[in-house]
Amino acid sequence: MLEGKGTTDVAARRAAFSGQPLQEPLDQYLRKVRSASYQLTDADIQRLRSAGVAEDAIFELTIADALGAAERGLRVGLMALGETAGG
């Protein structure tokens, strides 16, 4: 996902995965993906498309961002389990 061929470059996908800021309007959108994805609407996607962001780029960066957030959550959970089991 991060290293393969895509519409977006590897650096952008890695940045999205790690939660690093990207250019607007992508940054605002990806922050919403990470923190309030249940609030995303068609208007959010339309705003990106109106700004010239290709649908494939939106898809790739959304997936990279969501996977990164999930991995961070998993690591926090595993660390908590380790602390609980060891404490």
Protein backbone atom coordinates (compact mmCIF):
# COMPACT_ATOMS: atom_id res chain seq x y z
CA MET A 1 0.00 0.00 0.00
CA LEU A 2 2.67 2.50 0.92
CA GLU A 3 5.41 1.42 -1.44
CA GLY A 4 3.59 0.28 -4.59
CA LYS A 5 2.62 2.19 -7.68
CA GLY A 6 -0.24 4.60 -7.27
CA THR A 7 -1.73 7.91 -8.25
CA THR A 8 -0.08 9.54 -5.24
CA ASP A 9 3.61 9.41 -4.54
CA VAL A 10 5.10 7.24 -1.83
CA ALA A 11 6.01 10.25 0.32
CA ALA A 12 2.39 11.45 0.41
CA ARG A 13 1.10 7.98 1.33
CA ARG A 14 3.72 7.62 4.06
CA ALA A 15 2.84 11.06 5.43
CA ALA A 16 -0.86 10.15 5.50
CA PHE A 17 -0.06 6.81 7.16
CA SER A 18 1.99 8.47 9.89
CA GLY A 19 -0.49 11.30 10.44
CA GLN A 20 1.86 14.02 9.22
CA PRO A 21 0.32 17.16 7.74
CA LEU A 22 -0.32 17.38 4.01
CA GLN A 23 -1.35 20.33 1.87
CA GLU A 24 -4.83 21.73 2.32
CA PRO A 25 -7.54 20.74 1.66
CA LEU A 26 -6.15 17.22 2.15
CA ASP A 27 -4.85 17.89 5.65
CA GLN A 28 -8.23 18.98 7.01
CA TYR A 29 -9.91 16.00 5.34
CA LEU A 30 -7.38 13.46 6.67
CA ARG A 31 -7.60 14.88 10.19
CA LYS A 32 -11.33 14.23 9.96
CA VAL A 33 -10.67 10.68 8.70
CA ARG A 34 -8.50 10.06 11.79
CA SER A 35 -10.63 11.73 14.42
CA ALA A 36 -14.24 11.78 13.24
CA SER A 37 -14.65 9.53 10.21
CA TYR A 38 -18.30 8.97 11.11
CA GLN A 39 -18.88 12.64 10.24
CA LEU A 40 -17.48 12.43 6.69
CA THR A 41 -19.99 13.34 4.02
CA ASP A 42 -20.17 13.54 0.25
CA ALA A 43 -19.49 17.26 0.67
CA ASP A 44 -16.04 16.50 2.09
CA ILE A 45 -15.17 14.45 -0.97
CA GLN A 46 -16.68 17.03 -3.31
CA ARG A 47 -14.55 19.74 -1.69
CA LEU A 48 -11.42 17.73 -2.53
CA ARG A 49 -12.59 17.04 -6.06
CA SER A 50 -13.39 20.73 -6.58
CA ALA A 51 -9.84 21.53 -5.47
CA GLY A 52 -8.52 19.23 -8.20
CA VAL A 53 -7.71 16.14 -6.14
CA ALA A 54 -8.27 13.00 -8.21
CA GLU A 55 -10.62 10.33 -6.87
CA ASP A 56 -7.84 7.74 -6.95
CA ALA A 57 -5.65 10.06 -4.86
CA ILE A 58 -8.47 10.59 -2.37
CA PHE A 59 -8.92 6.82 -2.09
CA GLU A 60 -5.20 6.06 -1.68
CA LEU A 61 -4.63 8.74 0.94
CA THR A 62 -7.80 7.83 2.83
CA ILE A 63 -6.72 4.18 3.03
CA ALA A 64 -3.16 5.07 4.03
CA ASP A 65 -4.42 7.46 6.71
CA ALA A 66 -6.98 5.02 8.11
CA LEU A 67 -4.48 2.15 8.18
CA GLY A 68 -1.96 4.32 9.99
CA ALA A 69 -4.52 5.37 12.58
CA ALA A 70 -5.56 1.75 13.07
CA GLU A 71 -1.94 0.67 13.54
CA ARG A 72 -1.35 3.40 16.12
CA GLY A 73 -4.49 2.32 17.98
CA LEU A 74 -3.39 -1.31 17.88
CA ARG A 75 0.03 -0.45 19.29
CA VAL A 76 -1.51 1.56 22.13
CA GLY A 77 -3.87 -1.33 22.91
CA LEU A 78 -1.10 -3.91 22.86
CA MET A 79 1.05 -1.73 25.12
CA ALA A 80 -1.86 -1.40 27.56
CA LEU A 81 -2.34 -5.15 27.59
CA GLY A 82 1.36 -5.62 28.24
CA GLU A 83 1.30 -3.19 31.12
CA THR A 84 -1.82 -4.82 32.56
CA ALA A 85 -0.38 -8.32 32.25
CA GLY A 86 2.92 -7.24 33.75
CA GLY A 87 1.45 -5.11 36.54
